Each structure stands twice: as structure tokens, then as C-alpha cells.
Amino acid sequence: MPLHARIVSMVLLSAIPLPAAVAQPVAPAATHRSAFDGYNRFAEQPVAPWRTSNELVARIGGWKAYAREAAAAHEGAAAPAGAPSAPAGEPGAASPAAAGHAGHHGGPKP
């Protein structure tokens, strides 16, 4: 088919109206999920006397016990609340400093 015949056919075909289903695509239904779905309201929590709270903290090992809990939760393994462990800087402490320089960078350097 010659080029001019192709052009004429394209012009004639473009003048033919398309069916409504083809001309107007249907958009999916809009949905909305609020950012507040599943929100838990503030609830008062019981407050213990400060002396009792301080005695509990001293009994479980002070602020270091809370630091161990946070580190264990960060690593994915929960440490028992009253589990004894060696404080940092003492023999048997599980810290990078206990392994020397190799503990900081994943092994000895050449």
C-alpha cells in the first residue's frame, strides 16, 4: 500500500468515534485509611513511690540493667530482667574493648 493511502486510512480511522468503554477508562474506587486507625489513647499508668522504684533499680543493677535490656531488644533477643552480667571494663565483659582492636573492626588487621 502506498504511503499516501496509509495516511488517508489513518485520518479516516481517527474520525471514527470509539465505543464509550474504550474512550472513558474507569478509575478504581478511591479508598481512605485514616492515620489514626489503630491509635491507642493515653491511659494512666500506676505510679510507684520513688523510694520503691529506686530500690528496685539498685537491686537489678542500676542503669546498666536498663541499658542491657535495650541492647538485647535491639539485637532481637530479650535478656532476663535480673540476669547478672559483668559490668563493662571487668574481665568477662562482652564488649568490643574486651577483644582489643580486633573487636572494633571484625577481626585482626594484616
PDB file of N, CA and C in Angstrom:
ATOM      1  N   MET A   1       0.853  -1.157   0.000  1.00  0.00           N
ATOM      2  CA  MET A   1       0.000   0.000   0.000  1.00  0.00           C
ATOM      3  C   MET A   1       0.906   1.230   0.000  1.00  0.00           C
ATOM      4  N   PRO A   2       0.628   2.182  -0.880  1.00  0.00           N
ATOM      5  CA  PRO A   2       1.450   3.385  -0.947  1.00  0.00           C
ATOM      6  C   PRO A   2       1.293   4.235   0.320  1.00  0.00           C
ATOM      7  N   LEU A   3       2.254   5.088   0.529  1.00  0.00           N
ATOM      8  CA  LEU A   3       2.286   5.912   1.724  1.00  0.00           C
ATOM      9  C   LEU A   3       1.068   6.823   1.841  1.00  0.00           C
ATOM     10  N   HIS A   4       0.675   7.463   0.747  1.00  0.00           N
ATOM     11  CA  HIS A   4      -0.463   8.378   0.812  1.00  0.00           C
ATOM     12  C   HIS A   4      -1.745   7.625   1.166  1.00  0.00           C
ATOM     13  N   ALA A   5      -1.864   6.383   0.766  1.00  0.00           N
ATOM     14  CA  ALA A   5      -3.050   5.586   1.093  1.00  0.00           C
ATOM     15  C   ALA A   5      -3.069   5.255   2.588  1.00  0.00           C
ATOM     16  N   ARG A   6      -1.887   4.988   3.148  1.00  0.00           N
ATOM     17  CA  ARG A   6      -1.796   4.722   4.593  1.00  0.00           C
ATOM     18  C   ARG A   6      -2.204   5.959   5.402  1.00  0.00           C
ATOM     19  N   ILE A   7      -1.750   7.108   4.969  1.00  0.00           N
ATOM     20  CA  ILE A   7      -2.072   8.351   5.668  1.00  0.00           C
ATOM     21  C   ILE A   7      -3.574   8.617   5.612  1.00  0.00           C
ATOM     22  N   VAL A   8      -4.167   8.416   4.438  1.00  0.00           N
ATOM     23  CA  VAL A   8      -5.604   8.632   4.294  1.00  0.00           C
ATOM     24  C   VAL A   8      -6.360   7.667   5.198  1.00  0.00           C
ATOM     25  N   SER A   9      -5.943   6.388   5.270  1.00  0.00           N
ATOM     26  CA  SER A   9      -6.644   5.425   6.130  1.00  0.00           C
ATOM     27  C   SER A   9      -6.520   5.818   7.585  1.00  0.00           C
ATOM     28  N   MET A  10      -5.366   6.310   7.999  1.00  0.00           N
ATOM     29  CA  MET A  10      -5.195   6.718   9.400  1.00  0.00           C
ATOM     30  C   MET A  10      -6.097   7.908   9.724  1.00  0.00           C
ATOM     31  N   VAL A  11      -6.211   8.846   8.812  1.00  0.00           N
ATOM     32  CA  VAL A  11      -7.060  10.011   9.034  1.00  0.00           C
ATOM     33  C   VAL A  11      -8.513   9.588   9.116  1.00  0.00           C
ATOM     34  N   LEU A  12      -8.935   8.692   8.232  1.00  0.00           N
ATOM     35  CA  LEU A  12     -10.322   8.233   8.244  1.00  0.00           C
ATOM     36  C   LEU A  12     -10.617   7.433   9.513  1.00  0.00           C
ATOM     37  N   LEU A  13      -9.665   6.593   9.948  1.00  0.00           N
ATOM     38  CA  LEU A  13      -9.881   5.801  11.158  1.00  0.00           C
ATOM     39  C   LEU A  13      -9.922   6.682  12.401  1.00  0.00           C
ATOM     40  N   SER A  14      -9.178   7.753  12.413  1.00  0.00           N
ATOM     41  CA  SER A  14      -9.182   8.632  13.576  1.00  0.00           C
ATOM     42  C   SER A  14     -10.489   9.398  13.704  1.00  0.00           C
ATOM     43  N   ALA A  15     -11.246   9.505  12.634  1.00  0.00           N
ATOM     44  CA  ALA A  15     -12.519  10.206  12.666  1.00  0.00           C
ATOM     45  C   ALA A  15     -13.648   9.319  13.183  1.00  0.00           C
ATOM     46  N   ILE A  16     -13.427   8.019  13.295  1.00  0.00           N
ATOM     47  CA  ILE A  16     -14.456   7.098  13.772  1.00  0.00           C
ATOM     48  C   ILE A  16     -14.518   7.189  15.288  1.00  0.00           C
ATOM     49  N   PRO A  17     -15.681   7.474  15.854  1.00  0.00           N
ATOM     50  CA  PRO A  17     -15.777   7.547  17.323  1.00  0.00           C
ATOM     51  C   PRO A  17     -15.595   6.165  17.944  1.00  0.00           C
ATOM     52  N   LEU A  18     -14.932   6.136  19.083  1.00  0.00           N
ATOM     53  CA  LEU A  18     -14.697   4.877  19.791  1.00  0.00           C
ATOM     54  C   LEU A  18     -15.873   4.579  20.712  1.00  0.00           C
ATOM     55  N   PRO A  19     -16.094   3.319  21.034  1.00  0.00           N
ATOM     56  CA  PRO A  19     -17.146   2.994  21.998  1.00  0.00           C
ATOM     57  C   PRO A  19     -16.838   3.647  23.344  1.00  0.00           C
ATOM     58  N   ALA A  20     -17.851   3.917  24.137  1.00  0.00           N
ATOM     59  CA  ALA A  20     -17.692   4.611  25.421  1.00  0.00           C
ATOM     60  C   ALA A  20     -16.770   3.858  26.366  1.00  0.00           C
ATOM     61  N   ALA A  21     -16.805   2.528  26.352  1.00  0.00           N
ATOM     62  CA  ALA A  21     -15.962   1.738  27.250  1.00  0.00           C
ATOM     63  C   ALA A  21     -14.483   1.934  26.935  1.00  0.00           C
ATOM     64  N   VAL A  22     -14.142   2.148  25.684  1.00  0.00           N
ATOM     65  CA  VAL A  22     -12.754   2.331  25.297  1.00  0.00           C
ATOM     66  C   VAL A  22     -12.338   3.788  25.502  1.00  0.00           C
ATOM     67  N   ALA A  23     -13.212   4.708  25.226  1.00  0.00           N
ATOM     68  CA  ALA A  23     -12.878   6.118  25.300  1.00  0.00           C
ATOM     69  C   ALA A  23     -12.744   6.606  26.742  1.00  0.00           C
ATOM     70  N   GLN A  24     -13.544   6.076  27.669  1.00  0.00           N
ATOM     71  CA  GLN A  24     -13.542   6.531  29.055  1.00  0.00           C
ATOM     72  C   GLN A  24     -13.120   5.390  29.984  1.00  0.00           C
ATOM     73  N   PRO A  25     -11.830   5.276  30.288  1.00  0.00           N
ATOM     74  CA  PRO A  25     -11.422   4.211  31.211  1.00  0.00           C
ATOM     75  C   PRO A  25     -12.002   4.467  32.609  1.00  0.00           C
ATOM     76  N   VAL A  26     -12.341   3.406  33.282  1.00  0.00           N
ATOM     77  CA  VAL A  26     -12.933   3.503  34.610  1.00  0.00           C
ATOM     78  C   VAL A  26     -11.828   3.468  35.653  1.00  0.00           C
ATOM     79  N   ALA A  27     -11.821   4.466  36.534  1.00  0.00           N
ATOM     80  CA  ALA A  27     -10.812   4.526  37.598  1.00  0.00           C
ATOM     81  C   ALA A  27     -11.250   3.627  38.751  1.00  0.00           C
ATOM     82  N   PRO A  28     -10.298   3.033  39.467  1.00  0.00           N
ATOM     83  CA  PRO A  28     -10.674   2.215  40.625  1.00  0.00           C
ATOM     84  C   PRO A  28     -11.300   3.088  41.711  1.00  0.00           C
ATOM     85  N   ALA A  29     -12.121   2.479  42.517  1.00  0.00           N
ATOM     86  CA  ALA A  29     -12.782   3.213  43.598  1.00  0.00           C
ATOM     87  C   ALA A  29     -11.734   3.736  44.583  1.00  0.00           C
ATOM     88  N   ALA A  30     -11.915   4.965  45.000  1.00  0.00           N
ATOM     89  CA  ALA A  30     -10.981   5.576  45.949  1.00  0.00           C
ATOM     90  C   ALA A  30     -11.234   5.019  47.350  1.00  0.00           C
ATOM     91  N   THR A  31     -10.165   4.726  48.051  1.00  0.00           N
ATOM     92  CA  THR A  31     -10.273   4.256  49.428  1.00  0.00           C
ATOM     93  C   THR A  31      -9.450   5.175  50.313  1.00  0.00           C
ATOM     94  N   HIS A  32      -9.835   5.239  51.573  1.00  0.00           N
ATOM     95  CA  HIS A  32      -9.117   6.090  52.519  1.00  0.00           C
ATOM     96  C   HIS A  32      -8.924   5.321  53.819  1.00  0.00           C
ATOM     97  N   ARG A  33      -7.717   5.336  54.334  1.00  0.00           N
ATOM     98  CA  ARG A  33      -7.420   4.744  55.637  1.00  0.00           C
ATOM     99  C   ARG A  33      -6.823   5.840  56.495  1.00  0.00           C
ATOM    100  N   SER A  34      -7.463   6.139  57.580  1.00  0.00           N
ATOM    101  CA  SER A  34      -7.020   7.211  58.455  1.00  0.00           C
ATOM    102  C   SER A  34      -5.704   6.855  59.135  1.00  0.00           C
ATOM    103  N   ALA A  35      -4.899   7.855  59.374  1.00  0.00           N
ATOM    104  CA  ALA A  35      -3.642   7.649  60.101  1.00  0.00           C
ATOM    105  C   ALA A  35      -3.910   7.308  61.555  1.00  0.00           C
ATOM    106  N   PHE A  36      -5.119   7.566  62.025  1.00  0.00           N
ATOM    107  CA  PHE A  36      -5.457   7.293  63.413  1.00  0.00           C
ATOM    108  C   PHE A  36      -6.092   5.920  63.618  1.00  0.00           C
ATOM    109  N   ASP A  37      -6.251   5.134  62.562  1.00  0.00           N
ATOM    110  CA  ASP A  37      -6.753   3.766  62.736  1.00  0.00           C
ATOM    111  C   ASP A  37      -5.775   2.993  63.603  1.00  0.00           C
ATOM    112  N   GLY A  38      -6.266   2.335  64.612  1.00  0.00           N
ATOM    113  CA  GLY A  38      -5.409   1.560  65.498  1.00  0.00           C
ATOM    114  C   GLY A  38      -4.721   2.389  66.570  1.00  0.00           C
ATOM    115  N   TYR A  39      -5.044   3.661  66.679  1.00  0.00           N
ATOM    116  CA  TYR A  39      -4.422   4.536  67.680  1.00  0.00           C
ATOM    117  C   TYR A  39      -4.892   4.138  69.079  1.00  0.00           C
ATOM    118  N   ASN A  40      -3.953   4.017  69.990  1.00  0.00           N
ATOM    119  CA  ASN A  40      -4.284   3.713  71.383  1.00  0.00           C
ATOM    120  C   ASN A  40      -4.245   5.015  72.183  1.00  0.00           C
ATOM    121  N   ARG A  41      -5.346   5.342  72.802  1.00  0.00           N
ATOM    122  CA  ARG A  41      -5.419   6.553  73.607  1.00  0.00           C
ATOM    123  C   ARG A  41      -4.509   6.455  74.822  1.00  0.00           C
ATOM    124  N   PHE A  42      -4.143   7.589  75.361  1.00  0.00           N
ATOM    125  CA  PHE A  42      -3.339   7.643  76.571  1.00  0.00           C
ATOM    126  C   PHE A  42      -4.121   7.030  77.724  1.00  0.00           C
ATOM    127  N   ALA A  43      -3.440   6.225  78.490  1.00  0.00           N
ATOM    128  CA  ALA A  43      -4.062   5.630  79.671  1.00  0.00           C
ATOM    129  C   ALA A  43      -3.133   5.858  80.862  1.00  0.00           C
ATOM    130  N   GLU A  44      -3.695   6.283  81.945  1.00  0.00           N
ATOM    131  CA  GLU A  44      -2.910   6.488  83.158  1.00  0.00           C
ATOM    132  C   GLU A  44      -2.292   5.162  83.592  1.00  0.00           C
ATOM    133  N   GLN A  45      -1.051   5.205  83.999  1.00  0.00           N
ATOM    134  CA  GLN A  45      -0.376   4.022  84.497  1.00  0.00           C
ATOM    135  C   GLN A  45      -0.095   4.223  85.978  1.00  0.00           C
ATOM    136  N   PRO A  46      -0.125   3.130  86.723  1.00  0.00           N
ATOM    137  CA  PRO A  46       0.119   3.291  88.155  1.00  0.00           C
ATOM    138  C   PRO A  46       1.542   3.798  88.419  1.00  0.00           C
ATOM    139  N   VAL A  47       1.655   4.669  89.391  1.00  0.00           N
ATOM    140  CA  VAL A  47       2.945   5.240  89.749  1.00  0.00           C
ATOM    141  C   VAL A  47       3.344   4.673  91.113  1.00  0.00           C
ATOM    142  N   ALA A  48       4.543   4.121  91.171  1.00  0.00           N
ATOM    143  CA  ALA A  48       5.056   3.575  92.427  1.00  0.00           C
ATOM    144  C   ALA A  48       5.760   4.681  93.208  1.00  0.00           C
ATOM    145  N   PRO A  49       5.843   4.540  94.510  1.00  0.00           N
ATOM    146  CA  PRO A  49       6.601   5.519  95.298  1.00  0.00           C
ATOM    147  C   PRO A  49       8.064   5.549  94.826  1.00  0.00           C
ATOM    148  N   TRP A  50       8.668   6.712  94.846  1.00  0.00           N
ATOM    149  CA  TRP A  50      10.012   6.845  94.299  1.00  0.00           C
ATOM    150  C   TRP A  50      11.038   6.018  95.058  1.00  0.00           C
ATOM    151  N   ARG A  51      10.898   5.849  96.341  1.00  0.00           N
ATOM    152  CA  ARG A  51      11.856   5.039  97.103  1.00  0.00           C
ATOM    153  C   ARG A  51      11.810   3.586  96.640  1.00  0.00           C
ATOM    154  N   THR A  52      10.605   3.064  96.426  1.00  0.00           N
ATOM    155  CA  THR A  52      10.454   1.691  95.949  1.00  0.00           C
ATOM    156  C   THR A  52      11.085   1.535  94.572  1.00  0.00           C
ATOM    157  N   SER A  53      10.852   2.509  93.698  1.00  0.00           N
ATOM    158  CA  SER A  53      11.428   2.461  92.349  1.00  0.00           C
ATOM    159  C   SER A  53      12.952   2.498  92.399  1.00  0.00           C
ATOM    160  N   ASN A  54      13.509   3.362  93.240  1.00  0.00           N
ATOM    161  CA  ASN A  54      14.965   3.453  93.358  1.00  0.00           C
ATOM    162  C   ASN A  54      15.559   2.163  93.918  1.00  0.00           C
ATOM    163  N   GLU A  55      14.896   1.548  94.904  1.00  0.00           N
ATOM    164  CA  GLU A  55      15.384   0.289  95.461  1.00  0.00           C
ATOM    165  C   GLU A  55      15.360  -0.820  94.409  1.00  0.00           C
ATOM    166  N   LEU A  56      14.327  -0.851  93.588  1.00  0.00           N
ATOM    167  CA  LEU A  56      14.243  -1.853  92.518  1.00  0.00           C
ATOM    168  C   LEU A  56      15.380  -1.669  91.522  1.00  0.00           C
ATOM    169  N   VAL A  57      15.632  -0.439  91.127  1.00  0.00           N
ATOM    170  CA  VAL A  57      16.712  -0.166  90.172  1.00  0.00           C
ATOM    171  C   VAL A  57      18.058  -0.578  90.761  1.00  0.00           C
ATOM    172  N   ALA A  58      18.292  -0.276  92.025  1.00  0.00           N
ATOM    173  CA  ALA A  58      19.554  -0.658  92.676  1.00  0.00           C
ATOM    174  C   ALA A  58      19.676  -2.179  92.751  1.00  0.00           C
ATOM    175  N   ARG A  59      18.568  -2.874  93.030  1.00  0.00           N
ATOM    176  CA  ARG A  59      18.587  -4.327  93.176  1.00  0.00           C
ATOM    177  C   ARG A  59      18.886  -5.026  91.844  1.00  0.00           C
ATOM    178  N   ILE A  60      18.393  -4.491  90.724  1.00  0.00           N
ATOM    179  CA  ILE A  60      18.617  -5.174  89.437  1.00  0.00           C
ATOM    180  C   ILE A  60      19.908  -4.746  88.751  1.00  0.00           C
ATOM    181  N   GLY A  61      20.626  -3.785  89.303  1.00  0.00           N
ATOM    182  CA  GLY A  61      21.924  -3.437  88.737  1.00  0.00           C
ATOM    183  C   GLY A  61      22.028  -2.018  88.228  1.00  0.00           C
ATOM    184  N   GLY A  62      21.123  -1.151  88.607  1.00  0.00           N
ATOM    185  CA  GLY A  62      21.227   0.255  88.217  1.00  0.00           C
ATOM    186  C   GLY A  62      20.894   0.484  86.755  1.00  0.00           C
ATOM    187  N   TRP A  63      21.345   1.602  86.251  1.00  0.00           N
ATOM    188  CA  TRP A  63      21.031   1.994  84.882  1.00  0.00           C
ATOM    189  C   TRP A  63      21.603   1.025  83.869  1.00  0.00           C
ATOM    190  N   LYS A  64      22.662   0.289  84.236  1.00  0.00           N
ATOM    191  CA  LYS A  64      23.276  -0.657  83.298  1.00  0.00           C
ATOM    192  C   LYS A  64      22.319  -1.796  82.950  1.00  0.00           C
ATOM    193  N   ALA A  65      21.449  -2.165  83.902  1.00  0.00           N
ATOM    194  CA  ALA A  65      20.457  -3.216  83.626  1.00  0.00           C
ATOM    195  C   ALA A  65      19.506  -2.754  82.527  1.00  0.00           C
ATOM    196  N   TYR A  66      19.089  -1.502  82.587  1.00  0.00           N
ATOM    197  CA  TYR A  66      18.203  -0.982  81.547  1.00  0.00           C
ATOM    198  C   TYR A  66      18.937  -0.897  80.207  1.00  0.00           C
ATOM    199  N   ALA A  67      20.211  -0.548  80.238  1.00  0.00           N
ATOM    200  CA  ALA A  67      20.996  -0.484  79.006  1.00  0.00           C
ATOM    201  C   ALA A  67      21.136  -1.870  78.388  1.00  0.00           C
ATOM    202  N   ARG A  68      21.328  -2.905  79.239  1.00  0.00           N
ATOM    203  CA  ARG A  68      21.416  -4.288  78.715  1.00  0.00           C
ATOM    204  C   ARG A  68      20.093  -4.703  78.085  1.00  0.00           C
ATOM    205  N   GLU A  69      18.968  -4.363  78.731  1.00  0.00           N
ATOM    206  CA  GLU A  69      17.659  -4.700  78.178  1.00  0.00           C
ATOM    207  C   GLU A  69      17.461  -4.039  76.821  1.00  0.00           C
ATOM    208  N   ALA A  70      17.834  -2.784  76.712  1.00  0.00           N
ATOM    209  CA  ALA A  70      17.671  -2.069  75.449  1.00  0.00           C
ATOM    210  C   ALA A  70      18.565  -2.673  74.371  1.00  0.00           C
ATOM    211  N   ALA A  71      19.796  -3.034  74.721  1.00  0.00           N
ATOM    212  CA  ALA A  71      20.706  -3.630  73.751  1.00  0.00           C
ATOM    213  C   ALA A  71      20.201  -4.996  73.312  1.00  0.00           C
ATOM    214  N   ALA A  72      19.683  -5.780  74.250  1.00  0.00           N
ATOM    215  CA  ALA A  72      19.168  -7.107  73.904  1.00  0.00           C
ATOM    216  C   ALA A  72      17.935  -6.987  73.018  1.00  0.00           C
ATOM    217  N   ALA A  73      17.068  -6.035  73.305  1.00  0.00           N
ATOM    218  CA  ALA A  73      15.878  -5.838  72.474  1.00  0.00           C
ATOM    219  C   ALA A  73      16.286  -5.388  71.079  1.00  0.00           C
ATOM    220  N   HIS A  74      17.331  -4.573  70.997  1.00  0.00           N
ATOM    221  CA  HIS A  74      17.812  -4.091  69.701  1.00  0.00           C
ATOM    222  C   HIS A  74      18.382  -5.241  68.877  1.00  0.00           C
ATOM    223  N   GLU A  75      19.013  -6.210  69.534  1.00  0.00           N
ATOM    224  CA  GLU A  75      19.606  -7.347  68.839  1.00  0.00           C
ATOM    225  C   GLU A  75      18.575  -8.430  68.540  1.00  0.00           C
ATOM    226  N   GLY A  76      17.381  -8.306  69.110  1.00  0.00           N
ATOM    227  CA  GLY A  76      16.339  -9.276  68.826  1.00  0.00           C
ATOM    228  C   GLY A  76      16.202 -10.358  69.872  1.00  0.00           C
ATOM    229  N   ALA A  77      17.081 -10.404  70.853  1.00  0.00           N
ATOM    230  CA  ALA A  77      16.991 -11.398  71.919  1.00  0.00           C
ATOM    231  C   ALA A  77      16.758 -10.670  73.231  1.00  0.00           C
ATOM    232  N   ALA A  78      15.673 -10.971  73.892  1.00  0.00           N
ATOM    233  CA  ALA A  78      15.358 -10.303  75.153  1.00  0.00           C
ATOM    234  C   ALA A  78      16.147 -10.924  76.289  1.00  0.00           C
ATOM    235  N   ALA A  79      16.832 -10.100  77.051  1.00  0.00           N
ATOM    236  CA  ALA A  79      17.586 -10.581  78.198  1.00  0.00           C
ATOM    237  C   ALA A  79      16.663 -10.615  79.407  1.00  0.00           C
ATOM    238  N   PRO A  80      16.825 -11.602  80.287  1.00  0.00           N
ATOM    239  CA  PRO A  80      16.015 -11.622  81.502  1.00  0.00           C
ATOM    240  C   PRO A  80      16.272 -10.367  82.327  1.00  0.00           C
ATOM    241  N   ALA A  81      15.245  -9.883  83.004  1.00  0.00           N
ATOM    242  CA  ALA A  81      15.340  -8.610  83.723  1.00  0.00           C
ATOM    243  C   ALA A  81      16.406  -8.620  84.803  1.00  0.00           C
ATOM    244  N   GLY A  82      16.574  -9.717  85.536  1.00  0.00           N
ATOM    245  CA  GLY A  82      17.537  -9.728  86.627  1.00  0.00           C
ATOM    246  C   GLY A  82      18.791 -10.521  86.311  1.00  0.00           C
ATOM    247  N   ALA A  83      19.066 -10.763  85.048  1.00  0.00           N
ATOM    248  CA  ALA A  83      20.218 -11.582  84.676  1.00  0.00           C
ATOM    249  C   ALA A  83      21.515 -10.875  85.018  1.00  0.00           C
ATOM    250  N   PRO A  84      22.397 -11.543  85.767  1.00  0.00           N
ATOM    251  CA  PRO A  84      23.672 -10.900  86.090  1.00  0.00           C
ATOM    252  C   PRO A  84      24.600 -10.941  84.882  1.00  0.00           C
ATOM    253  N   SER A  85      25.377  -9.908  84.727  1.00  0.00           N
ATOM    254  CA  SER A  85      26.402  -9.874  83.688  1.00  0.00           C
ATOM    255  C   SER A  85      27.529  -9.010  84.195  1.00  0.00           C
ATOM    256  N   ALA A  86      28.695  -9.196  83.612  1.00  0.00           N
ATOM    257  CA  ALA A  86      29.860  -8.444  84.060  1.00  0.00           C
ATOM    258  C   ALA A  86      29.748  -7.002  83.583  1.00  0.00           C
ATOM    259  N   PRO A  87      29.958  -6.038  84.463  1.00  0.00           N
ATOM    260  CA  PRO A  87      29.943  -4.638  84.041  1.00  0.00           C
ATOM    261  C   PRO A  87      31.063  -4.368  83.049  1.00  0.00           C
ATOM    262  N   ALA A  88      30.889  -3.353  82.224  1.00  0.00           N
ATOM    263  CA  ALA A  88      31.895  -3.010  81.225  1.00  0.00           C
ATOM    264  C   ALA A  88      33.223  -2.712  81.898  1.00  0.00           C
ATOM    265  N   GLY A  89      34.290  -3.170  81.296  1.00  0.00           N
ATOM    266  CA  GLY A  89      35.618  -2.906  81.816  1.00  0.00           C
ATOM    267  C   GLY A  89      36.133  -3.980  82.763  1.00  0.00           C
ATOM    268  N   GLU A  90      35.302  -4.943  83.175  1.00  0.00           N
ATOM    269  CA  GLU A  90      35.744  -6.015  84.053  1.00  0.00           C
ATOM    270  C   GLU A  90      36.012  -7.267  83.227  1.00  0.00           C
ATOM    271  N   PRO A  91      36.853  -8.185  83.734  1.00  0.00           N
ATOM    272  CA  PRO A  91      37.114  -9.417  82.996  1.00  0.00           C
ATOM    273  C   PRO A  91      35.809 -10.154  82.740  1.00  0.00           C
ATOM    274  N   GLY A  92      35.685 -10.694  81.526  1.00  0.00           N
ATOM    275  CA  GLY A  92      34.487 -11.419  81.156  1.00  0.00           C
ATOM    276  C   GLY A  92      33.423 -10.530  80.556  1.00  0.00           C
ATOM    277  N   ALA A  93      33.690  -9.253  80.462  1.00  0.00           N
ATOM    278  CA  ALA A  93      32.708  -8.338  79.888  1.00  0.00           C
ATOM    279  C   ALA A  93      32.618  -8.570  78.383  1.00  0.00           C
ATOM    280  N   ALA A  94      31.414  -8.604  77.885  1.00  0.00           N
ATOM    281  CA  ALA A  94      31.208  -8.795  76.453  1.00  0.00           C
ATOM    282  C   ALA A  94      31.151  -7.429  75.787  1.00  0.00           C
ATOM    283  N   SER A  95      32.307  -6.887  75.450  1.00  0.00           N
ATOM    284  CA  SER A  95      32.347  -5.587  74.792  1.00  0.00           C
ATOM    285  C   SER A  95      33.456  -5.609  73.756  1.00  0.00           C
ATOM    286  N   PRO A  96      33.410  -4.700  72.779  1.00  0.00           N
ATOM    287  CA  PRO A  96      34.473  -4.645  71.785  1.00  0.00           C
ATOM    288  C   PRO A  96      35.840  -4.393  72.414  1.00  0.00           C
ATOM    289  N   ALA A  97      35.871  -3.644  73.517  1.00  0.00           N
ATOM    290  CA  ALA A  97      37.153  -3.353  74.154  1.00  0.00           C
ATOM    291  C   ALA A  97      37.779  -4.625  74.717  1.00  0.00           C
ATOM    292  N   ALA A  98      36.943  -5.611  75.133  1.00  0.00           N
ATOM    293  CA  ALA A  98      37.461  -6.850  75.690  1.00  0.00           C
ATOM    294  C   ALA A  98      38.217  -7.654  74.638  1.00  0.00           C
ATOM    295  N   ALA A  99      37.873  -7.464  73.369  1.00  0.00           N
ATOM    296  CA  ALA A  99      38.538  -8.196  72.293  1.00  0.00           C
ATOM    297  C   ALA A  99      39.707  -7.421  71.710  1.00  0.00           C
ATOM    298  N   GLY A 100      40.035  -6.266  72.256  1.00  0.00           N
ATOM    299  CA  GLY A 100      41.131  -5.471  71.714  1.00  0.00           C
ATOM    300  C   GLY A 100      40.702  -4.779  70.436  1.00  0.00           C
ATOM    301  N   HIS A 101      41.673  -4.392  69.653  1.00  0.00           N
ATOM    302  CA  HIS A 101      41.377  -3.677  68.407  1.00  0.00           C
ATOM    303  C   HIS A 101      40.577  -4.535  67.449  1.00  0.00           C
ATOM    304  N   ALA A 102      40.780  -5.841  67.443  1.00  0.00           N
ATOM    305  CA  ALA A 102      40.074  -6.724  66.524  1.00  0.00           C
ATOM    306  C   ALA A 102      38.565  -6.676  66.774  1.00  0.00           C
ATOM    307  N   GLY A 103      38.150  -6.403  68.003  1.00  0.00           N
ATOM    308  CA  GLY A 103      36.731  -6.364  68.315  1.00  0.00           C
ATOM    309  C   GLY A 103      36.016  -5.179  67.688  1.00  0.00           C
ATOM    310  N   HIS A 104      36.756  -4.131  67.327  1.00  0.00           N
ATOM    311  CA  HIS A 104      36.143  -2.938  66.745  1.00  0.00           C
ATOM    312  C   HIS A 104      35.878  -3.081  65.259  1.00  0.00           C
ATOM    313  N   HIS A 105      36.663  -3.875  64.577  1.00  0.00           N
ATOM    314  CA  HIS A 105      36.595  -3.898  63.112  1.00  0.00           C
ATOM    315  C   HIS A 105      36.365  -5.290  62.536  1.00  0.00           C
ATOM    316  N   GLY A 106      35.935  -6.230  63.346  1.00  0.00           N
ATOM    317  CA  GLY A 106      35.577  -7.538  62.831  1.00  0.00           C
ATOM    318  C   GLY A 106      36.748  -8.480  62.587  1.00  0.00           C
ATOM    319  N   GLY A 107      37.867  -8.281  63.207  1.00  0.00           N
ATOM    320  CA  GLY A 107      38.967  -9.226  63.065  1.00  0.00           C
ATOM    321  C   GLY A 107      40.311  -8.529  63.072  1.00  0.00           C
ATOM    322  N   PRO A 108      41.377  -9.321  63.149  1.00  0.00           N
ATOM    323  CA  PRO A 108      42.727  -8.723  63.169  1.00  0.00           C
ATOM    324  C   PRO A 108      43.066  -8.110  61.815  1.00  0.00           C
ATOM    325  N   LYS A 109      43.913  -7.115  61.861  1.00  0.00           N
ATOM    326  CA  LYS A 109      44.349  -6.447  60.635  1.00  0.00           C
ATOM    327  C   LYS A 109      45.674  -7.044  60.180  1.00  0.00           C
ATOM    328  N   PRO A 110      45.879  -7.107  58.879  1.00  0.00           N
ATOM    329  CA  PRO A 110      47.148  -7.667  58.353  1.00  0.00           C
ATOM    330  C   PRO A 110      48.346  -6.808  58.665  1.00  0.00           C
TER     331      PRO A 110
END
